[in-house]
Amino acid sequence: MRESRLMLIQYVTAAAAVVLVALHLLLQGVLVPYETAISFGTVLASYRSIFSILFLEVLLVVVLVHGFNGVRIILQELRQTLAWGRWVDLGTVLAIVISVGYGTRTILLAVLVGPSA
């Protein structure tokens, strides 16, 4: 993928992350008292709402893509050889896929399994 396209992704995910994180903080710390928002029952209840599940998944993907793409940019600037660039790009894609997979697994476990009593 061209570097200009990757930078566009970086800018779009930055803007999306600002909006999504602000909304998340508003919902979890302002509209709902913080002590209530972090209680186990409230957190588990948020995983029962399809809106919350989709919101958390989108937030996860946006933040991970933005963060790992930023690290990719830094690593690309360290060494600018073709082989290094390919390894960095491959490592970034793998890190994003593994991290999104693990985050999605966590969301699915909270939805499907719930608390173990």
Protein backbone atom coordinates (compact mmCIF):
# COMPACT_ATOMS: atom_id res chain seq x y z
CA MET A 1 0.00 0.00 0.00
CA ARG A 2 1.26 3.48 -0.77
CA GLU A 3 2.61 5.58 2.06
CA SER A 4 0.16 8.38 1.29
CA ARG A 5 -2.73 5.95 1.80
CA LEU A 6 -1.26 4.76 5.10
CA MET A 7 -0.91 8.35 6.30
CA LEU A 8 -4.52 9.01 5.34
CA ILE A 9 -5.50 5.99 7.45
CA GLN A 10 -3.44 7.47 10.31
CA TYR A 11 -5.26 10.81 10.11
CA VAL A 12 -8.73 9.27 9.78
CA THR A 13 -8.18 6.89 12.69
CA ALA A 14 -6.84 9.78 14.80
CA ALA A 15 -9.99 11.81 14.19
CA ALA A 16 -12.21 8.79 14.78
CA ALA A 17 -10.32 7.90 17.97
CA VAL A 18 -10.80 11.40 19.37
CA VAL A 19 -14.56 11.18 18.84
CA LEU A 20 -14.91 7.58 20.04
CA VAL A 21 -12.70 7.96 23.12
CA ALA A 22 -14.49 11.18 24.08
CA LEU A 23 -17.85 9.43 23.74
CA HIS A 24 -16.57 6.45 25.72
CA LEU A 25 -15.29 8.67 28.54
CA LEU A 26 -18.52 10.64 28.51
CA LEU A 27 -20.57 7.46 28.85
CA GLN A 28 -18.30 5.85 31.45
CA GLY A 29 -17.29 8.72 33.68
CA VAL A 30 -19.55 11.70 33.23
CA LEU A 31 -23.10 10.52 32.56
CA VAL A 32 -22.67 7.53 34.87
CA PRO A 33 -20.78 8.07 38.12
CA TYR A 34 -17.30 6.55 37.86
CA GLU A 35 -17.77 4.16 40.81
CA THR A 36 -20.92 2.81 39.19
CA ALA A 37 -19.36 2.66 35.71
CA ILE A 38 -16.50 0.41 36.85
CA SER A 39 -18.58 -1.95 38.97
CA PHE A 40 -18.57 -5.53 37.71
CA GLY A 41 -22.32 -5.65 37.16
CA THR A 42 -22.36 -2.46 35.11
CA VAL A 43 -19.42 -3.54 32.99
CA LEU A 44 -20.98 -6.94 32.34
CA ALA A 45 -24.34 -5.34 31.55
CA SER A 46 -22.68 -3.15 28.93
CA TYR A 47 -21.61 -6.32 27.12
CA ARG A 48 -25.25 -7.39 26.86
CA SER A 49 -26.20 -4.42 24.66
CA ILE A 50 -25.57 -4.83 20.93
CA PHE A 51 -24.84 -1.08 20.69
CA SER A 52 -22.16 -1.36 23.39
CA ILE A 53 -20.62 -4.44 21.80
CA LEU A 54 -20.37 -2.78 18.39
CA PHE A 55 -19.12 0.47 19.92
CA LEU A 56 -16.38 -1.32 21.87
CA GLU A 57 -15.35 -3.35 18.82
CA VAL A 58 -15.11 -0.23 16.62
CA LEU A 59 -13.19 1.58 19.36
CA LEU A 60 -10.81 -1.39 19.65
CA VAL A 61 -10.12 -1.54 15.92
CA VAL A 62 -9.70 2.23 15.48
CA VAL A 63 -7.33 2.63 18.42
CA LEU A 64 -5.24 -0.43 17.52
CA VAL A 65 -4.91 0.51 13.85
CA HIS A 66 -3.95 4.07 14.77
CA GLY A 67 -1.46 2.99 17.43
CA PHE A 68 0.25 0.24 15.47
CA ASN A 69 0.39 2.37 12.33
CA GLY A 70 2.08 5.07 14.38
CA VAL A 71 4.67 2.58 15.63
CA ARG A 72 5.11 1.38 12.03
CA ILE A 73 5.86 4.95 10.93
CA ILE A 74 8.46 5.36 13.69
CA LEU A 75 10.11 2.04 12.83
CA GLN A 76 10.16 2.92 9.12
CA GLU A 77 12.06 6.10 9.96
CA LEU A 78 14.73 4.22 11.91
CA ARG A 79 15.97 2.32 8.87
CA GLN A 80 14.85 2.95 5.36
CA THR A 81 15.80 -0.19 3.51
CA LEU A 82 13.36 -2.20 1.43
CA ALA A 83 13.80 -5.41 3.46
CA TRP A 84 13.33 -3.58 6.77
CA GLY A 85 10.23 -1.87 5.44
CA ARG A 86 8.67 -5.17 4.39
CA TRP A 87 9.33 -6.76 7.79
CA VAL A 88 7.96 -3.76 9.62
CA ASP A 89 4.82 -3.74 7.45
CA LEU A 90 4.30 -7.48 7.94
CA GLY A 91 4.89 -7.22 11.68
CA THR A 92 2.43 -4.34 11.93
CA VAL A 93 -0.31 -6.23 10.12
CA LEU A 94 0.29 -9.32 12.27
CA ALA A 95 0.26 -7.25 15.47
CA ILE A 96 -3.02 -5.60 14.49
CA VAL A 97 -4.68 -8.90 13.55
CA ILE A 98 -3.52 -10.66 16.72
CA SER A 99 -4.50 -7.76 18.97
CA VAL A 100 -7.93 -7.30 17.38
CA GLY A 101 -8.48 -11.05 17.59
CA TYR A 102 -7.60 -11.12 21.27
CA GLY A 103 -9.74 -8.08 22.02
CA THR A 104 -12.67 -9.58 20.13
CA ARG A 105 -12.17 -12.83 22.03
CA THR A 106 -12.45 -10.89 25.29
CA ILE A 107 -15.67 -9.22 24.17
CA LEU A 108 -17.13 -12.54 23.01
CA LEU A 109 -16.23 -14.25 26.29
CA ALA A 110 -17.98 -11.52 28.26
CA VAL A 111 -21.05 -11.84 26.03
CA LEU A 112 -21.26 -15.61 25.74
CA VAL A 113 -19.86 -16.89 29.02
CA GLY A 114 -20.49 -14.06 31.46
CA PRO A 115 -19.40 -14.30 35.08
CA SER A 116 -18.22 -17.60 36.46
CA ALA A 117 -19.90 -18.21 39.77
